[in-house]
Amino acid sequence: FYDRAVMMTGRPADPDVLVVAIDDASIDALGRWPWRRAIHAALLDRLAGARAVGVDLIFAEPDKINAADDAILADSIRRNAHTVLPVVLDRLKNPTAIGLPIPELAQASASTGFINAVIDPDGVVREAALTAQFAGDRRNHLAISMLEVGGEADRAQRLLKRANADGRILIPYAGPPGHVRTVSYLSVLRGDWTPEELRGKYVLVGSVATGLAAPI
């Protein structure tokens, strides 16, 4: 019933939401994954003026090959001032462990948010956990943290109030996959998008490239 209802109630995607996709063209141009963190730093500098930037990439360990890159990325995160980094809980219900970014990056970020997905037995994501308790503290989903960093804490609170006792909410999809405006990581990095086109956007950076990760 929910799937049918979502298909029948499509609406235009929010123009203030933009996906910057690590796509196959970006991989072809910039080389095999993982990229140096200095490249992500350069991207964040291009995103100056965005309302909030959610980086759906895990930085759980220091860069042991290009040791200076961690500091370069941390400096860029501070300059951007609106970057939200991901954390990963071992589970959503009564989590006992959390994967954090390295301290240098976590301290530079405006906030963090967990990226755990709620996947139904048929492999479909129909709901999201907006909040979870870990070690006595409330941890919010990346999307909630982005709203707070973007100056819309009231909107975040309204969403949290709609969640059930477990902090979960059905996702009101606007349309099918690809409905949200998506641009190539490479195109942003090389400056194809003006600061005015990116200003005020909620930007989510993540992978859609073949074989890298689940699409965002």
C-alpha atoms as a PDB file:
ATOM      1  CA  PHE A   1       0.000   0.000   0.000  1.00  0.00           C
ATOM      2  CA  TYR A   2       2.799   2.405   0.895  1.00  0.00           C
ATOM      3  CA  ASP A   3       4.684   1.668  -2.335  1.00  0.00           C
ATOM      4  CA  ARG A   4       1.544   2.305  -4.391  1.00  0.00           C
ATOM      5  CA  ALA A   5       0.792   5.511  -2.494  1.00  0.00           C
ATOM      6  CA  VAL A   6       4.323   6.835  -3.068  1.00  0.00           C
ATOM      7  CA  MET A   7       4.108   6.111  -6.801  1.00  0.00           C
ATOM      8  CA  MET A   8       0.786   7.967  -7.045  1.00  0.00           C
ATOM      9  CA  THR A   9       1.843  11.073  -5.116  1.00  0.00           C
ATOM     10  CA  GLY A  10       5.005  12.211  -6.868  1.00  0.00           C
ATOM     11  CA  ARG A  11       5.958  15.871  -6.669  1.00  0.00           C
ATOM     12  CA  PRO A  12       8.781  18.105  -7.863  1.00  0.00           C
ATOM     13  CA  ALA A  13      12.073  17.556  -6.070  1.00  0.00           C
ATOM     14  CA  ASP A  14      13.149  20.280  -3.664  1.00  0.00           C
ATOM     15  CA  PRO A  15      15.255  22.715  -5.735  1.00  0.00           C
ATOM     16  CA  ASP A  16      17.407  23.454  -2.685  1.00  0.00           C
ATOM     17  CA  VAL A  17      18.687  19.869  -2.519  1.00  0.00           C
ATOM     18  CA  LEU A  18      21.609  18.895  -4.742  1.00  0.00           C
ATOM     19  CA  VAL A  19      23.470  15.591  -5.016  1.00  0.00           C
ATOM     20  CA  VAL A  20      27.129  15.827  -6.023  1.00  0.00           C
ATOM     21  CA  ALA A  21      27.755  12.341  -7.340  1.00  0.00           C
ATOM     22  CA  ILE A  22      31.027  10.444  -7.488  1.00  0.00           C
ATOM     23  CA  ASP A  23      30.082   8.890 -10.808  1.00  0.00           C
ATOM     24  CA  ASP A  24      31.860   6.801 -13.414  1.00  0.00           C
ATOM     25  CA  ALA A  25      32.960   9.908 -15.342  1.00  0.00           C
ATOM     26  CA  SER A  26      34.601  11.284 -12.194  1.00  0.00           C
ATOM     27  CA  ILE A  27      36.409   7.997 -11.560  1.00  0.00           C
ATOM     28  CA  ASP A  28      37.614   7.891 -15.174  1.00  0.00           C
ATOM     29  CA  ALA A  29      38.990  11.429 -14.944  1.00  0.00           C
ATOM     30  CA  LEU A  30      40.425  11.442 -11.421  1.00  0.00           C
ATOM     31  CA  GLY A  31      41.667   7.887 -11.205  1.00  0.00           C
ATOM     32  CA  ARG A  32      40.940   4.807  -9.174  1.00  0.00           C
ATOM     33  CA  TRP A  33      39.287   4.941  -5.769  1.00  0.00           C
ATOM     34  CA  PRO A  34      40.053   5.983  -3.076  1.00  0.00           C
ATOM     35  CA  TRP A  35      41.066   9.492  -4.044  1.00  0.00           C
ATOM     36  CA  ARG A  36      43.432  11.638  -2.037  1.00  0.00           C
ATOM     37  CA  ARG A  37      41.714  13.653   0.673  1.00  0.00           C
ATOM     38  CA  ALA A  38      43.216  16.797  -0.830  1.00  0.00           C
ATOM     39  CA  ILE A  39      40.802  16.281  -3.757  1.00  0.00           C
ATOM     40  CA  HIS A  40      37.812  16.288  -1.380  1.00  0.00           C
ATOM     41  CA  ALA A  41      39.271  19.433   0.211  1.00  0.00           C
ATOM     42  CA  ALA A  42      39.295  21.126  -3.198  1.00  0.00           C
ATOM     43  CA  LEU A  43      35.661  20.110  -3.743  1.00  0.00           C
ATOM     44  CA  LEU A  44      34.596  21.575  -0.398  1.00  0.00           C
ATOM     45  CA  ASP A  45      36.258  24.864  -1.337  1.00  0.00           C
ATOM     46  CA  ARG A  46      34.099  24.876  -4.470  1.00  0.00           C
ATOM     47  CA  LEU A  47      31.023  24.405  -2.262  1.00  0.00           C
ATOM     48  CA  ALA A  48      31.624  27.536  -0.214  1.00  0.00           C
ATOM     49  CA  GLY A  49      28.262  29.211   0.284  1.00  0.00           C
ATOM     50  CA  ALA A  50      26.251  25.987   0.393  1.00  0.00           C
ATOM     51  CA  ARG A  51      23.717  25.953   3.210  1.00  0.00           C
ATOM     52  CA  ALA A  52      25.058  22.614   4.440  1.00  0.00           C
ATOM     53  CA  VAL A  53      27.274  19.941   2.916  1.00  0.00           C
ATOM     54  CA  GLY A  54      26.769  16.308   3.912  1.00  0.00           C
ATOM     55  CA  VAL A  55      29.793  14.207   2.967  1.00  0.00           C
ATOM     56  CA  ASP A  56      28.703  10.583   2.750  1.00  0.00           C
ATOM     57  CA  LEU A  57      32.277   9.277   2.866  1.00  0.00           C
ATOM     58  CA  ILE A  58      33.956   7.488   5.760  1.00  0.00           C
ATOM     59  CA  PHE A  59      37.209   8.932   7.134  1.00  0.00           C
ATOM     60  CA  ALA A  60      37.719   6.471   9.976  1.00  0.00           C
ATOM     61  CA  GLU A  61      41.520   6.212   9.781  1.00  0.00           C
ATOM     62  CA  PRO A  62      44.359   8.676   9.208  1.00  0.00           C
ATOM     63  CA  ASP A  63      45.811   8.846   5.716  1.00  0.00           C
ATOM     64  CA  LYS A  64      49.094   6.954   6.081  1.00  0.00           C
ATOM     65  CA  ILE A  65      50.174   7.455   2.470  1.00  0.00           C
ATOM     66  CA  ASN A  66      49.619  11.196   2.105  1.00  0.00           C
ATOM     67  CA  ALA A  67      49.904  12.211   5.743  1.00  0.00           C
ATOM     68  CA  ALA A  68      49.507  15.949   5.086  1.00  0.00           C
ATOM     69  CA  ASP A  69      46.142  15.431   3.408  1.00  0.00           C
ATOM     70  CA  ASP A  70      44.257  15.052   6.696  1.00  0.00           C
ATOM     71  CA  ALA A  71      45.277  18.560   7.715  1.00  0.00           C
ATOM     72  CA  ILE A  72      44.464  19.886   4.240  1.00  0.00           C
ATOM     73  CA  LEU A  73      40.971  18.396   4.418  1.00  0.00           C
ATOM     74  CA  ALA A  74      40.442  19.610   8.000  1.00  0.00           C
ATOM     75  CA  ASP A  75      41.374  23.143   6.960  1.00  0.00           C
ATOM     76  CA  SER A  76      38.907  23.002   4.072  1.00  0.00           C
ATOM     77  CA  ILE A  77      36.144  21.696   6.360  1.00  0.00           C
ATOM     78  CA  ARG A  78      36.753  24.615   8.712  1.00  0.00           C
ATOM     79  CA  ARG A  79      36.701  27.122   5.845  1.00  0.00           C
ATOM     80  CA  ASN A  80      33.443  25.689   4.555  1.00  0.00           C
ATOM     81  CA  ALA A  81      31.979  25.924   8.086  1.00  0.00           C
ATOM     82  CA  HIS A  82      28.839  23.972   7.151  1.00  0.00           C
ATOM     83  CA  THR A  83      30.202  20.461   6.597  1.00  0.00           C
ATOM     84  CA  VAL A  84      28.493  17.473   8.227  1.00  0.00           C
ATOM     85  CA  LEU A  85      30.480  14.232   8.424  1.00  0.00           C
ATOM     86  CA  PRO A  86      29.054  10.731   8.816  1.00  0.00           C
ATOM     87  CA  VAL A  87      29.217   8.350  11.742  1.00  0.00           C
ATOM     88  CA  VAL A  88      28.184   4.685  11.710  1.00  0.00           C
ATOM     89  CA  LEU A  89      26.402   2.886  14.564  1.00  0.00           C
ATOM     90  CA  ASP A  90      26.869  -0.847  14.954  1.00  0.00           C
ATOM     91  CA  ARG A  91      23.066  -1.081  15.012  1.00  0.00           C
ATOM     92  CA  LEU A  92      20.164   1.327  15.323  1.00  0.00           C
ATOM     93  CA  LYS A  93      18.415  -0.326  18.262  1.00  0.00           C
ATOM     94  CA  ASN A  94      20.502  -0.085  21.442  1.00  0.00           C
ATOM     95  CA  PRO A  95      23.818   0.539  19.674  1.00  0.00           C
ATOM     96  CA  THR A  96      26.963  -0.409  21.575  1.00  0.00           C
ATOM     97  CA  ALA A  97      29.639   0.988  19.251  1.00  0.00           C
ATOM     98  CA  ILE A  98      30.057   3.955  16.936  1.00  0.00           C
ATOM     99  CA  GLY A  99      32.447   4.599  14.077  1.00  0.00           C
ATOM    100  CA  LEU A 100      33.620   8.214  14.079  1.00  0.00           C
ATOM    101  CA  PRO A 101      35.725  10.279  11.687  1.00  0.00           C
ATOM    102  CA  ILE A 102      39.311  10.771  12.813  1.00  0.00           C
ATOM    103  CA  PRO A 103      39.424  13.457  15.540  1.00  0.00           C
ATOM    104  CA  GLU A 104      41.145  16.034  13.328  1.00  0.00           C
ATOM    105  CA  LEU A 105      38.247  15.980  10.878  1.00  0.00           C
ATOM    106  CA  ALA A 106      35.471  15.524  13.440  1.00  0.00           C
ATOM    107  CA  GLN A 107      36.642  18.578  15.370  1.00  0.00           C
ATOM    108  CA  ALA A 108      36.756  20.655  12.172  1.00  0.00           C
ATOM    109  CA  SER A 109      33.225  19.703  11.094  1.00  0.00           C
ATOM    110  CA  ALA A 110      30.106  21.679  11.897  1.00  0.00           C
ATOM    111  CA  SER A 111      28.366  18.469  13.002  1.00  0.00           C
ATOM    112  CA  THR A 112      28.105  14.743  12.454  1.00  0.00           C
ATOM    113  CA  GLY A 113      25.176  12.423  11.738  1.00  0.00           C
ATOM    114  CA  PHE A 114      24.713   8.681  11.410  1.00  0.00           C
ATOM    115  CA  ILE A 115      24.131   7.151   7.989  1.00  0.00           C
ATOM    116  CA  ASN A 116      22.716   3.744   8.954  1.00  0.00           C
ATOM    117  CA  ALA A 117      19.864   2.717   6.673  1.00  0.00           C
ATOM    118  CA  VAL A 118      16.679   0.851   7.618  1.00  0.00           C
ATOM    119  CA  ILE A 119      16.357  -1.869   4.979  1.00  0.00           C
ATOM    120  CA  ASP A 120      13.189  -3.971   4.702  1.00  0.00           C
ATOM    121  CA  PRO A 121      13.438  -7.748   4.097  1.00  0.00           C
ATOM    122  CA  ASP A 122      12.788  -7.206   0.369  1.00  0.00           C
ATOM    123  CA  GLY A 123      15.798  -4.879   0.139  1.00  0.00           C
ATOM    124  CA  VAL A 124      13.785  -1.657  -0.131  1.00  0.00           C
ATOM    125  CA  VAL A 125      14.381   1.391   2.101  1.00  0.00           C
ATOM    126  CA  ARG A 126      10.943   2.729   3.080  1.00  0.00           C
ATOM    127  CA  GLU A 127      11.694   4.413   6.371  1.00  0.00           C
ATOM    128  CA  ALA A 128      14.517   6.256   8.054  1.00  0.00           C
ATOM    129  CA  ALA A 129      15.720   6.341  11.638  1.00  0.00           C
ATOM    130  CA  LEU A 130      16.017  10.044  12.411  1.00  0.00           C
ATOM    131  CA  THR A 131      17.507   9.662  15.875  1.00  0.00           C
ATOM    132  CA  ALA A 132      19.088   7.040  18.115  1.00  0.00           C
ATOM    133  CA  GLN A 133      20.477   6.879  21.637  1.00  0.00           C
ATOM    134  CA  PHE A 134      24.116   5.986  22.142  1.00  0.00           C
ATOM    135  CA  ALA A 135      25.914   6.032  25.498  1.00  0.00           C
ATOM    136  CA  GLY A 136      23.240   8.292  26.952  1.00  0.00           C
ATOM    137  CA  ASP A 137      23.465  10.840  24.141  1.00  0.00           C
ATOM    138  CA  ARG A 138      21.107  11.440  21.252  1.00  0.00           C
ATOM    139  CA  ARG A 139      22.617  10.937  17.815  1.00  0.00           C
ATOM    140  CA  ASN A 140      20.800  12.303  14.792  1.00  0.00           C
ATOM    141  CA  HIS A 141      20.659  11.124  11.212  1.00  0.00           C
ATOM    142  CA  LEU A 142      22.891  12.985   8.760  1.00  0.00           C
ATOM    143  CA  ALA A 143      19.826  14.677   7.229  1.00  0.00           C
ATOM    144  CA  ILE A 144      18.683  16.073  10.592  1.00  0.00           C
ATOM    145  CA  SER A 145      22.177  17.337  11.342  1.00  0.00           C
ATOM    146  CA  MET A 146      22.286  19.023   7.924  1.00  0.00           C
ATOM    147  CA  LEU A 147      19.022  20.851   8.634  1.00  0.00           C
ATOM    148  CA  GLU A 148      20.390  22.058  11.960  1.00  0.00           C
ATOM    149  CA  VAL A 149      23.660  23.229  10.426  1.00  0.00           C
ATOM    150  CA  GLY A 150      21.656  24.894   7.655  1.00  0.00           C
ATOM    151  CA  GLY A 151      19.797  27.038  10.174  1.00  0.00           C
ATOM    152  CA  GLU A 152      16.548  25.054  10.075  1.00  0.00           C
ATOM    153  CA  ALA A 153      16.539  23.501  13.544  1.00  0.00           C
ATOM    154  CA  ASP A 154      12.782  24.138  13.782  1.00  0.00           C
ATOM    155  CA  ARG A 155      12.187  22.090  10.634  1.00  0.00           C
ATOM    156  CA  ALA A 156      14.376  19.323  12.046  1.00  0.00           C
ATOM    157  CA  GLN A 157      12.344  19.317  15.261  1.00  0.00           C
ATOM    158  CA  ARG A 158       9.080  19.040  13.318  1.00  0.00           C
ATOM    159  CA  LEU A 159      10.416  15.959  11.556  1.00  0.00           C
ATOM    160  CA  LEU A 160      11.595  14.437  14.824  1.00  0.00           C
ATOM    161  CA  LYS A 161       8.144  14.942  16.353  1.00  0.00           C
ATOM    162  CA  ARG A 162       6.596  12.967  13.471  1.00  0.00           C
ATOM    163  CA  ALA A 163       8.833   9.962  14.183  1.00  0.00           C
ATOM    164  CA  ASN A 164       7.608   6.991  16.187  1.00  0.00           C
ATOM    165  CA  ALA A 165       8.960   5.877  19.566  1.00  0.00           C
ATOM    166  CA  ASP A 166      11.976   4.279  17.870  1.00  0.00           C
ATOM    167  CA  GLY A 167      12.782   7.537  16.081  1.00  0.00           C
ATOM    168  CA  ARG A 168      11.653   6.186  12.711  1.00  0.00           C
ATOM    169  CA  ILE A 169       9.594   7.808   9.985  1.00  0.00           C
ATOM    170  CA  LEU A 170       8.302   6.660   6.612  1.00  0.00           C
ATOM    171  CA  ILE A 171      10.228   8.397   3.830  1.00  0.00           C
ATOM    172  CA  PRO A 172       7.942  10.649   1.744  1.00  0.00           C
ATOM    173  CA  TYR A 173       9.772  10.062  -1.532  1.00  0.00           C
ATOM    174  CA  ALA A 174       9.199  12.830  -4.061  1.00  0.00           C
ATOM    175  CA  GLY A 175       9.779  10.552  -7.027  1.00  0.00           C
ATOM    176  CA  PRO A 176      11.811   7.649  -8.430  1.00  0.00           C
ATOM    177  CA  PRO A 177      15.611   7.249  -8.202  1.00  0.00           C
ATOM    178  CA  GLY A 178      17.343  10.148  -9.912  1.00  0.00           C
ATOM    179  CA  HIS A 179      14.452  12.529  -9.160  1.00  0.00           C
ATOM    180  CA  VAL A 180      16.632  14.819  -7.032  1.00  0.00           C
ATOM    181  CA  ARG A 181      18.906  17.065  -9.067  1.00  0.00           C
ATOM    182  CA  THR A 182      22.281  15.360  -9.438  1.00  0.00           C
ATOM    183  CA  VAL A 183      25.534  16.741 -10.830  1.00  0.00           C
ATOM    184  CA  SER A 184      28.897  15.115 -11.346  1.00  0.00           C
ATOM    185  CA  TYR A 185      31.598  15.495  -8.686  1.00  0.00           C
ATOM    186  CA  LEU A 186      34.009  16.200 -11.527  1.00  0.00           C
ATOM    187  CA  SER A 187      31.917  19.052 -12.907  1.00  0.00           C
ATOM    188  CA  VAL A 188      31.832  20.802  -9.526  1.00  0.00           C
ATOM    189  CA  LEU A 189      35.536  20.222  -8.942  1.00  0.00           C
ATOM    190  CA  ARG A 190      36.521  21.796 -12.248  1.00  0.00           C
ATOM    191  CA  GLY A 191      34.322  24.832 -11.643  1.00  0.00           C
ATOM    192  CA  ASP A 192      31.484  24.223 -14.103  1.00  0.00           C
ATOM    193  CA  TRP A 193      29.002  25.447 -11.462  1.00  0.00           C
ATOM    194  CA  THR A 194      29.149  29.051 -10.339  1.00  0.00           C
ATOM    195  CA  PRO A 195      29.083  29.968  -6.631  1.00  0.00           C
ATOM    196  CA  GLU A 196      25.648  31.505  -7.207  1.00  0.00           C
ATOM    197  CA  GLU A 197      24.273  28.209  -8.542  1.00  0.00           C
ATOM    198  CA  LEU A 198      25.496  26.387  -5.430  1.00  0.00           C
ATOM    199  CA  ARG A 199      24.722  29.060  -2.857  1.00  0.00           C
ATOM    200  CA  GLY A 200      22.071  28.171  -0.287  1.00  0.00           C
ATOM    201  CA  LYS A 201      21.809  24.530  -1.368  1.00  0.00           C
ATOM    202  CA  TYR A 202      21.756  21.445   0.819  1.00  0.00           C
ATOM    203  CA  VAL A 203      24.500  19.440  -0.884  1.00  0.00           C
ATOM    204  CA  LEU A 204      24.985  15.708  -0.397  1.00  0.00           C
ATOM    205  CA  VAL A 205      28.280  14.279  -1.668  1.00  0.00           C
ATOM    206  CA  GLY A 206      28.310  10.542  -2.226  1.00  0.00           C
ATOM    207  CA  SER A 207      28.930   7.666  -4.603  1.00  0.00           C
ATOM    208  CA  VAL A 208      26.884   6.366  -7.512  1.00  0.00           C
ATOM    209  CA  ALA A 209      29.864   4.914  -9.405  1.00  0.00           C
ATOM    210  CA  THR A 210      29.779   1.305 -10.512  1.00  0.00           C
ATOM    211  CA  GLY A 211      31.079  -1.021  -7.805  1.00  0.00           C
ATOM    212  CA  LEU A 212      31.836   1.639  -5.196  1.00  0.00           C
ATOM    213  CA  ALA A 213      28.841   1.661  -2.864  1.00  0.00           C
ATOM    214  CA  ALA A 214      25.074   1.695  -2.672  1.00  0.00           C
ATOM    215  CA  PRO A 215      23.743   4.667  -4.675  1.00  0.00           C
ATOM    216  CA  ILE A 216      22.513   7.727  -2.760  1.00  0.00           C
END
